[in-house]
Amino acid sequence: MLTFHTMLEPEEHWSDLLDKEVIYLGDEASPIEIVAMPGGMASGRTSISMRLDLPDGRVVIVETALYELANAVRQIQERFGE
């Protein structure tokens, strides 16, 4: 199951991408679709799948546990108060 590494300091993020090709999904991108799947994990807990349609027609699907996504959002909210 996909996990999140939540970075709360802007300096920490993605310096490893400076010499790589990056596909950036900006305002023109299709919305990211999120599907909740009750009982989707072997434990019976809810899993979340997210679909990203790339500009070249490829599709990326990532799956994680609802609690992983909720934990990442909670950390960001606690830090920035939104």
PDB file of N, CA and C in Angstrom:
ATOM      1  N   MET A   1       0.851  -1.170   0.000  1.00  0.00           N
ATOM      2  CA  MET A   1       0.000   0.000   0.000  1.00  0.00           C
ATOM      3  C   MET A   1       0.903   1.241   0.000  1.00  0.00           C
ATOM      4  N   LEU A   2       0.562   2.197  -0.812  1.00  0.00           N
ATOM      5  CA  LEU A   2       1.294   3.454  -0.910  1.00  0.00           C
ATOM      6  C   LEU A   2       1.244   4.186   0.420  1.00  0.00           C
ATOM      7  N   THR A   3       2.374   4.727   0.854  1.00  0.00           N
ATOM      8  CA  THR A   3       2.413   5.561   2.056  1.00  0.00           C
ATOM      9  C   THR A   3       2.810   6.974   1.663  1.00  0.00           C
ATOM     10  N   PHE A   4       2.622   7.915   2.558  1.00  0.00           N
ATOM     11  CA  PHE A   4       2.966   9.307   2.306  1.00  0.00           C
ATOM     12  C   PHE A   4       4.172   9.700   3.143  1.00  0.00           C
ATOM     13  N   HIS A   5       5.057  10.469   2.552  1.00  0.00           N
ATOM     14  CA  HIS A   5       6.143  11.136   3.274  1.00  0.00           C
ATOM     15  C   HIS A   5       5.792  12.612   3.203  1.00  0.00           C
ATOM     16  N   THR A   6       5.238  13.132   4.280  1.00  0.00           N
ATOM     17  CA  THR A   6       4.744  14.504   4.289  1.00  0.00           C
ATOM     18  C   THR A   6       5.884  15.448   4.622  1.00  0.00           C
ATOM     19  N   MET A   7       6.179  16.389   3.717  1.00  0.00           N
ATOM     20  CA  MET A   7       7.246  17.370   3.912  1.00  0.00           C
ATOM     21  C   MET A   7       6.605  18.721   4.220  1.00  0.00           C
ATOM     22  N   LEU A   8       6.946  19.261   5.357  1.00  0.00           N
ATOM     23  CA  LEU A   8       6.323  20.507   5.805  1.00  0.00           C
ATOM     24  C   LEU A   8       7.235  21.715   5.646  1.00  0.00           C
ATOM     25  N   GLU A   9       8.439  21.503   5.175  1.00  0.00           N
ATOM     26  CA  GLU A   9       9.375  22.597   4.907  1.00  0.00           C
ATOM     27  C   GLU A   9       9.627  22.640   3.404  1.00  0.00           C
ATOM     28  N   PRO A  10       9.349  23.766   2.739  1.00  0.00           N
ATOM     29  CA  PRO A  10       9.494  23.833   1.277  1.00  0.00           C
ATOM     30  C   PRO A  10      10.885  23.449   0.771  1.00  0.00           C
ATOM     31  N   GLU A  11      11.910  23.710   1.545  1.00  0.00           N
ATOM     32  CA  GLU A  11      13.276  23.417   1.100  1.00  0.00           C
ATOM     33  C   GLU A  11      13.517  21.923   0.955  1.00  0.00           C
ATOM     34  N   GLU A  12      12.714  21.118   1.605  1.00  0.00           N
ATOM     35  CA  GLU A  12      12.924  19.672   1.613  1.00  0.00           C
ATOM     36  C   GLU A  12      12.477  18.987   0.333  1.00  0.00           C
ATOM     37  N   HIS A  13      11.643  19.605  -0.462  1.00  0.00           N
ATOM     38  CA  HIS A  13      10.939  18.850  -1.487  1.00  0.00           C
ATOM     39  C   HIS A  13      11.644  18.775  -2.835  1.00  0.00           C
ATOM     40  N   TRP A  14      11.844  17.599  -3.279  1.00  0.00           N
ATOM     41  CA  TRP A  14      12.127  17.205  -4.647  1.00  0.00           C
ATOM     42  C   TRP A  14      13.360  17.817  -5.319  1.00  0.00           C
ATOM     43  N   SER A  15      14.400  18.081  -4.573  1.00  0.00           N
ATOM     44  CA  SER A  15      15.633  18.565  -5.205  1.00  0.00           C
ATOM     45  C   SER A  15      16.223  17.500  -6.124  1.00  0.00           C
ATOM     46  N   ASP A  16      15.832  16.241  -5.957  1.00  0.00           N
ATOM     47  CA  ASP A  16      16.320  15.164  -6.810  1.00  0.00           C
ATOM     48  C   ASP A  16      15.754  15.233  -8.224  1.00  0.00           C
ATOM     49  N   LEU A  17      14.782  16.111  -8.463  1.00  0.00           N
ATOM     50  CA  LEU A  17      14.163  16.205  -9.784  1.00  0.00           C
ATOM     51  C   LEU A  17      14.816  17.247 -10.691  1.00  0.00           C
ATOM     52  N   LEU A  18      15.822  17.943 -10.204  1.00  0.00           N
ATOM     53  CA  LEU A  18      16.431  19.028 -10.979  1.00  0.00           C
ATOM     54  C   LEU A  18      16.983  18.557 -12.317  1.00  0.00           C
ATOM     55  N   ASP A  19      17.464  17.335 -12.391  1.00  0.00           N
ATOM     56  CA  ASP A  19      18.056  16.841 -13.637  1.00  0.00           C
ATOM     57  C   ASP A  19      17.195  15.767 -14.307  1.00  0.00           C
ATOM     58  N   LYS A  20      15.887  15.753 -14.008  1.00  0.00           N
ATOM     59  CA  LYS A  20      14.990  14.745 -14.565  1.00  0.00           C
ATOM     60  C   LYS A  20      13.853  15.388 -15.338  1.00  0.00           C
ATOM     61  N   GLU A  21      13.301  14.619 -16.263  1.00  0.00           N
ATOM     62  CA  GLU A  21      12.112  15.072 -16.977  1.00  0.00           C
ATOM     63  C   GLU A  21      10.928  14.962 -16.025  1.00  0.00           C
ATOM     64  N   VAL A  22      10.161  16.032 -15.928  1.00  0.00           N
ATOM     65  CA  VAL A  22       9.015  16.076 -15.015  1.00  0.00           C
ATOM     66  C   VAL A  22       7.757  16.386 -15.825  1.00  0.00           C
ATOM     67  N   ILE A  23       6.696  15.673 -15.549  1.00  0.00           N
ATOM     68  CA  ILE A  23       5.389  15.981 -16.132  1.00  0.00           C
ATOM     69  C   ILE A  23       4.645  16.776 -15.083  1.00  0.00           C
ATOM     70  N   TYR A  24       4.374  18.038 -15.360  1.00  0.00           N
ATOM     71  CA  TYR A  24       3.677  18.904 -14.412  1.00  0.00           C
ATOM     72  C   TYR A  24       2.215  19.013 -14.820  1.00  0.00           C
ATOM     73  N   LEU A  25       1.323  18.694 -13.910  1.00  0.00           N
ATOM     74  CA  LEU A  25      -0.107  18.806 -14.160  1.00  0.00           C
ATOM     75  C   LEU A  25      -0.595  20.100 -13.531  1.00  0.00           C
ATOM     76  N   GLY A  26      -0.828  21.095 -14.354  1.00  0.00           N
ATOM     77  CA  GLY A  26      -1.264  22.406 -13.874  1.00  0.00           C
ATOM     78  C   GLY A  26      -2.752  22.612 -14.030  1.00  0.00           C
ATOM     79  N   ASP A  27      -3.144  23.857 -14.220  1.00  0.00           N
ATOM     80  CA  ASP A  27      -4.557  24.223 -14.298  1.00  0.00           C
ATOM     81  C   ASP A  27      -5.293  23.563 -15.455  1.00  0.00           C
ATOM     82  N   GLU A  28      -4.577  23.211 -16.518  1.00  0.00           N
ATOM     83  CA  GLU A  28      -5.224  22.629 -17.690  1.00  0.00           C
ATOM     84  C   GLU A  28      -5.443  21.128 -17.545  1.00  0.00           C
ATOM     85  N   ALA A  29      -4.932  20.531 -16.510  1.00  0.00           N
ATOM     86  CA  ALA A  29      -5.007  19.077 -16.343  1.00  0.00           C
ATOM     87  C   ALA A  29      -6.422  18.630 -15.989  1.00  0.00           C
ATOM     88  N   SER A  30      -6.694  17.386 -16.310  1.00  0.00           N
ATOM     89  CA  SER A  30      -7.956  16.777 -15.886  1.00  0.00           C
ATOM     90  C   SER A  30      -7.970  16.698 -14.358  1.00  0.00           C
ATOM     91  N   PRO A  31      -9.149  16.771 -13.768  1.00  0.00           N
ATOM     92  CA  PRO A  31      -9.206  16.622 -12.305  1.00  0.00           C
ATOM     93  C   PRO A  31      -8.663  15.257 -11.882  1.00  0.00           C
ATOM     94  N   ILE A  32      -8.051  15.215 -10.733  1.00  0.00           N
ATOM     95  CA  ILE A  32      -7.627  13.945 -10.163  1.00  0.00           C
ATOM     96  C   ILE A  32      -8.875  13.281  -9.590  1.00  0.00           C
ATOM     97  N   GLU A  33      -9.116  12.065 -10.002  1.00  0.00           N
ATOM     98  CA  GLU A  33     -10.280  11.334  -9.511  1.00  0.00           C
ATOM     99  C   GLU A  33      -9.882  10.508  -8.298  1.00  0.00           C
ATOM    100  N   ILE A  34     -10.709  10.549  -7.270  1.00  0.00           N
ATOM    101  CA  ILE A  34     -10.471   9.788  -6.052  1.00  0.00           C
ATOM    102  C   ILE A  34     -11.653   8.858  -5.830  1.00  0.00           C
ATOM    103  N   VAL A  35     -11.352   7.586  -5.596  1.00  0.00           N
ATOM    104  CA  VAL A  35     -12.386   6.594  -5.346  1.00  0.00           C
ATOM    105  C   VAL A  35     -12.146   5.989  -3.964  1.00  0.00           C
ATOM    106  N   ALA A  36     -13.174   6.006  -3.128  1.00  0.00           N
ATOM    107  CA  ALA A  36     -13.106   5.341  -1.820  1.00  0.00           C
ATOM    108  C   ALA A  36     -13.651   3.933  -1.968  1.00  0.00           C
ATOM    109  N   MET A  37     -12.901   2.972  -1.456  1.00  0.00           N
ATOM    110  CA  MET A  37     -13.308   1.573  -1.555  1.00  0.00           C
ATOM    111  C   MET A  37     -13.440   0.984  -0.146  1.00  0.00           C
ATOM    112  N   PRO A  38     -14.664   1.026   0.411  1.00  0.00           N
ATOM    113  CA  PRO A  38     -14.871   0.430   1.729  1.00  0.00           C
ATOM    114  C   PRO A  38     -14.465  -1.041   1.714  1.00  0.00           C
ATOM    115  N   GLY A  39     -13.691  -1.438   2.700  1.00  0.00           N
ATOM    116  CA  GLY A  39     -13.240  -2.827   2.764  1.00  0.00           C
ATOM    117  C   GLY A  39     -12.197  -3.166   1.728  1.00  0.00           C
ATOM    118  N   GLY A  40     -11.582  -2.167   1.112  1.00  0.00           N
ATOM    119  CA  GLY A  40     -10.620  -2.400   0.042  1.00  0.00           C
ATOM    120  C   GLY A  40      -9.280  -2.956   0.481  1.00  0.00           C
ATOM    121  N   MET A  41      -9.004  -2.907   1.766  1.00  0.00           N
ATOM    122  CA  MET A  41      -7.740  -3.441   2.272  1.00  0.00           C
ATOM    123  C   MET A  41      -7.962  -4.837   2.844  1.00  0.00           C
ATOM    124  N   ALA A  42      -6.908  -5.613   2.900  1.00  0.00           N
ATOM    125  CA  ALA A  42      -6.999  -6.967   3.455  1.00  0.00           C
ATOM    126  C   ALA A  42      -7.526  -6.938   4.892  1.00  0.00           C
ATOM    127  N   SER A  43      -7.231  -5.854   5.602  1.00  0.00           N
ATOM    128  CA  SER A  43      -7.691  -5.709   6.985  1.00  0.00           C
ATOM    129  C   SER A  43      -9.175  -5.370   7.070  1.00  0.00           C
ATOM    130  N   GLY A  44      -9.778  -5.037   5.931  1.00  0.00           N
ATOM    131  CA  GLY A  44     -11.175  -4.622   5.922  1.00  0.00           C
ATOM    132  C   GLY A  44     -11.363  -3.119   5.997  1.00  0.00           C
ATOM    133  N   ARG A  45     -10.266  -2.390   6.165  1.00  0.00           N
ATOM    134  CA  ARG A  45     -10.341  -0.933   6.232  1.00  0.00           C
ATOM    135  C   ARG A  45     -10.522  -0.354   4.828  1.00  0.00           C
ATOM    136  N   THR A  46     -10.872   0.925   4.787  1.00  0.00           N
ATOM    137  CA  THR A  46     -11.127   1.608   3.521  1.00  0.00           C
ATOM    138  C   THR A  46      -9.819   1.946   2.820  1.00  0.00           C
ATOM    139  N   SER A  47      -9.772   1.692   1.518  1.00  0.00           N
ATOM    140  CA  SER A  47      -8.640   2.133   0.712  1.00  0.00           C
ATOM    141  C   SER A  47      -9.113   3.235  -0.233  1.00  0.00           C
ATOM    142  N   ILE A  48      -8.160   3.988  -0.723  1.00  0.00           N
ATOM    143  CA  ILE A  48      -8.409   5.111  -1.623  1.00  0.00           C
ATOM    144  C   ILE A  48      -7.564   4.903  -2.868  1.00  0.00           C
ATOM    145  N   SER A  49      -8.182   5.032  -4.046  1.00  0.00           N
ATOM    146  CA  SER A  49      -7.436   5.020  -5.307  1.00  0.00           C
ATOM    147  C   SER A  49      -7.545   6.402  -5.937  1.00  0.00           C
ATOM    148  N   MET A  50      -6.446   6.878  -6.504  1.00  0.00           N
ATOM    149  CA  MET A  50      -6.409   8.177  -7.169  1.00  0.00           C
ATOM    150  C   MET A  50      -5.926   7.981  -8.598  1.00  0.00           C
ATOM    151  N   ARG A  51      -6.637   8.588  -9.550  1.00  0.00           N
ATOM    152  CA  ARG A  51      -6.319   8.477 -10.973  1.00  0.00           C
ATOM    153  C   ARG A  51      -5.831   9.825 -11.481  1.00  0.00           C
ATOM    154  N   LEU A  52      -4.673   9.802 -12.142  1.00  0.00           N
ATOM    155  CA  LEU A  52      -4.116  10.990 -12.776  1.00  0.00           C
ATOM    156  C   LEU A  52      -3.972  10.701 -14.257  1.00  0.00           C
ATOM    157  N   ASP A  53      -4.645  11.466 -15.111  1.00  0.00           N
ATOM    158  CA  ASP A  53      -4.523  11.324 -16.557  1.00  0.00           C
ATOM    159  C   ASP A  53      -3.391  12.225 -17.035  1.00  0.00           C
ATOM    160  N   LEU A  54      -2.356  11.630 -17.637  1.00  0.00           N
ATOM    161  CA  LEU A  54      -1.205  12.395 -18.109  1.00  0.00           C
ATOM    162  C   LEU A  54      -1.493  12.985 -19.484  1.00  0.00           C
ATOM    163  N   PRO A  55      -0.815  14.086 -19.831  1.00  0.00           N
ATOM    164  CA  PRO A  55      -1.056  14.744 -21.124  1.00  0.00           C
ATOM    165  C   PRO A  55      -0.820  13.844 -22.336  1.00  0.00           C
ATOM    166  N   ASP A  56       0.045  12.843 -22.203  1.00  0.00           N
ATOM    167  CA  ASP A  56       0.336  11.967 -23.338  1.00  0.00           C
ATOM    168  C   ASP A  56      -0.640  10.793 -23.452  1.00  0.00           C
ATOM    169  N   GLY A  57      -1.683  10.782 -22.627  1.00  0.00           N
ATOM    170  CA  GLY A  57      -2.687   9.734 -22.690  1.00  0.00           C
ATOM    171  C   GLY A  57      -2.487   8.596 -21.696  1.00  0.00           C
ATOM    172  N   ARG A  58      -1.294   8.516 -21.099  1.00  0.00           N
ATOM    173  CA  ARG A  58      -1.083   7.488 -20.081  1.00  0.00           C
ATOM    174  C   ARG A  58      -1.864   7.852 -18.826  1.00  0.00           C
ATOM    175  N   VAL A  59      -2.130   6.851 -18.022  1.00  0.00           N
ATOM    176  CA  VAL A  59      -2.881   7.042 -16.786  1.00  0.00           C
ATOM    177  C   VAL A  59      -2.072   6.463 -15.634  1.00  0.00           C
ATOM    178  N   VAL A  60      -2.007   7.210 -14.533  1.00  0.00           N
ATOM    179  CA  VAL A  60      -1.351   6.743 -13.315  1.00  0.00           C
ATOM    180  C   VAL A  60      -2.433   6.511 -12.273  1.00  0.00           C
ATOM    181  N   ILE A  61      -2.425   5.345 -11.661  1.00  0.00           N
ATOM    182  CA  ILE A  61      -3.341   5.055 -10.565  1.00  0.00           C
ATOM    183  C   ILE A  61      -2.506   4.720  -9.339  1.00  0.00           C
ATOM    184  N   VAL A  62      -2.771   5.415  -8.247  1.00  0.00           N
ATOM    185  CA  VAL A  62      -2.098   5.122  -6.984  1.00  0.00           C
ATOM    186  C   VAL A  62      -3.161   4.730  -5.973  1.00  0.00           C
ATOM    187  N   GLU A  63      -2.783   3.846  -5.076  1.00  0.00           N
ATOM    188  CA  GLU A  63      -3.719   3.378  -4.067  1.00  0.00           C
ATOM    189  C   GLU A  63      -3.070   3.501  -2.700  1.00  0.00           C
ATOM    190  N   THR A  64      -3.846   3.903  -1.735  1.00  0.00           N
ATOM    191  CA  THR A  64      -3.356   4.023  -0.371  1.00  0.00           C
ATOM    192  C   THR A  64      -4.493   3.728   0.588  1.00  0.00           C
ATOM    193  N   ALA A  65      -4.163   3.660   1.850  1.00  0.00           N
ATOM    194  CA  ALA A  65      -5.172   3.489   2.887  1.00  0.00           C
ATOM    195  C   ALA A  65      -5.765   4.851   3.219  1.00  0.00           C
ATOM    196  N   LEU A  66      -7.048   4.880   3.505  1.00  0.00           N
ATOM    197  CA  LEU A  66      -7.688   6.129   3.910  1.00  0.00           C
ATOM    198  C   LEU A  66      -6.965   6.739   5.099  1.00  0.00           C
ATOM    199  N   TYR A  67      -6.542   5.930   6.054  1.00  0.00           N
ATOM    200  CA  TYR A  67      -5.863   6.476   7.226  1.00  0.00           C
ATOM    201  C   TYR A  67      -4.521   7.105   6.853  1.00  0.00           C
ATOM    202  N   GLU A  68      -3.843   6.611   5.814  1.00  0.00           N
ATOM    203  CA  GLU A  68      -2.589   7.233   5.368  1.00  0.00           C
ATOM    204  C   GLU A  68      -2.853   8.629   4.804  1.00  0.00           C
ATOM    205  N   LEU A  69      -3.861   8.739   3.954  1.00  0.00           N
ATOM    206  CA  LEU A  69      -4.221  10.037   3.383  1.00  0.00           C
ATOM    207  C   LEU A  69      -4.680  10.996   4.476  1.00  0.00           C
ATOM    208  N   ALA A  70      -5.520  10.519   5.382  1.00  0.00           N
ATOM    209  CA  ALA A  70      -6.026  11.361   6.472  1.00  0.00           C
ATOM    210  C   ALA A  70      -4.889  11.844   7.370  1.00  0.00           C
ATOM    211  N   ASN A  71      -3.911  10.992   7.629  1.00  0.00           N
ATOM    212  CA  ASN A  71      -2.772  11.374   8.462  1.00  0.00           C
ATOM    213  C   ASN A  71      -1.953  12.473   7.792  1.00  0.00           C
ATOM    214  N   ALA A  72      -1.717  12.356   6.485  1.00  0.00           N
ATOM    215  CA  ALA A  72      -0.953  13.385   5.763  1.00  0.00           C
ATOM    216  C   ALA A  72      -1.692  14.719   5.800  1.00  0.00           C
ATOM    217  N   VAL A  73      -2.993  14.701   5.560  1.00  0.00           N
ATOM    218  CA  VAL A  73      -3.785  15.931   5.587  1.00  0.00           C
ATOM    219  C   VAL A  73      -3.777  16.533   6.995  1.00  0.00           C
ATOM    220  N   ARG A  74      -3.920  15.696   8.009  1.00  0.00           N
ATOM    221  CA  ARG A  74      -3.915  16.187   9.391  1.00  0.00           C
ATOM    222  C   ARG A  74      -2.586  16.878   9.735  1.00  0.00           C
ATOM    223  N   GLN A  75      -1.474  16.288   9.321  1.00  0.00           N
ATOM    224  CA  GLN A  75      -0.165  16.900   9.592  1.00  0.00           C
ATOM    225  C   GLN A  75      -0.065  18.282   8.959  1.00  0.00           C
ATOM    226  N   ILE A  76      -0.541  18.402   7.729  1.00  0.00           N
ATOM    227  CA  ILE A  76      -0.490  19.696   7.026  1.00  0.00           C
ATOM    228  C   ILE A  76      -1.405  20.702   7.712  1.00  0.00           C
ATOM    229  N   GLN A  77      -2.612  20.282   8.085  1.00  0.00           N
ATOM    230  CA  GLN A  77      -3.540  21.185   8.762  1.00  0.00           C
ATOM    231  C   GLN A  77      -3.001  21.641  10.111  1.00  0.00           C
ATOM    232  N   GLU A  78      -2.409  20.743  10.858  1.00  0.00           N
ATOM    233  CA  GLU A  78      -1.846  21.108  12.160  1.00  0.00           C
ATOM    234  C   GLU A  78      -0.724  22.120  11.999  1.00  0.00           C
ATOM    235  N   ARG A  79       0.075  21.978  10.959  1.00  0.00           N
ATOM    236  CA  ARG A  79       1.216  22.879  10.745  1.00  0.00           C
ATOM    237  C   ARG A  79       0.771  24.246  10.237  1.00  0.00           C
ATOM    238  N   PHE A  80      -0.196  24.264   9.324  1.00  0.00           N
ATOM    239  CA  PHE A  80      -0.552  25.508   8.653  1.00  0.00           C
ATOM    240  C   PHE A  80      -1.919  26.061   9.043  1.00  0.00           C
ATOM    241  N   GLY A  81      -2.664  25.322   9.852  1.00  0.00           N
ATOM    242  CA  GLY A  81      -3.906  25.842  10.415  1.00  0.00           C
ATOM    243  C   GLY A  81      -5.051  26.028   9.454  1.00  0.00           C
ATOM    244  N   GLU A  82      -5.068  25.309   8.388  1.00  0.00           N
ATOM    245  CA  GLU A  82      -6.182  25.430   7.430  1.00  0.00           C
ATOM    246  C   GLU A  82      -7.068  24.219   7.498  1.00  0.00           C
TER     247      GLU A  82
END
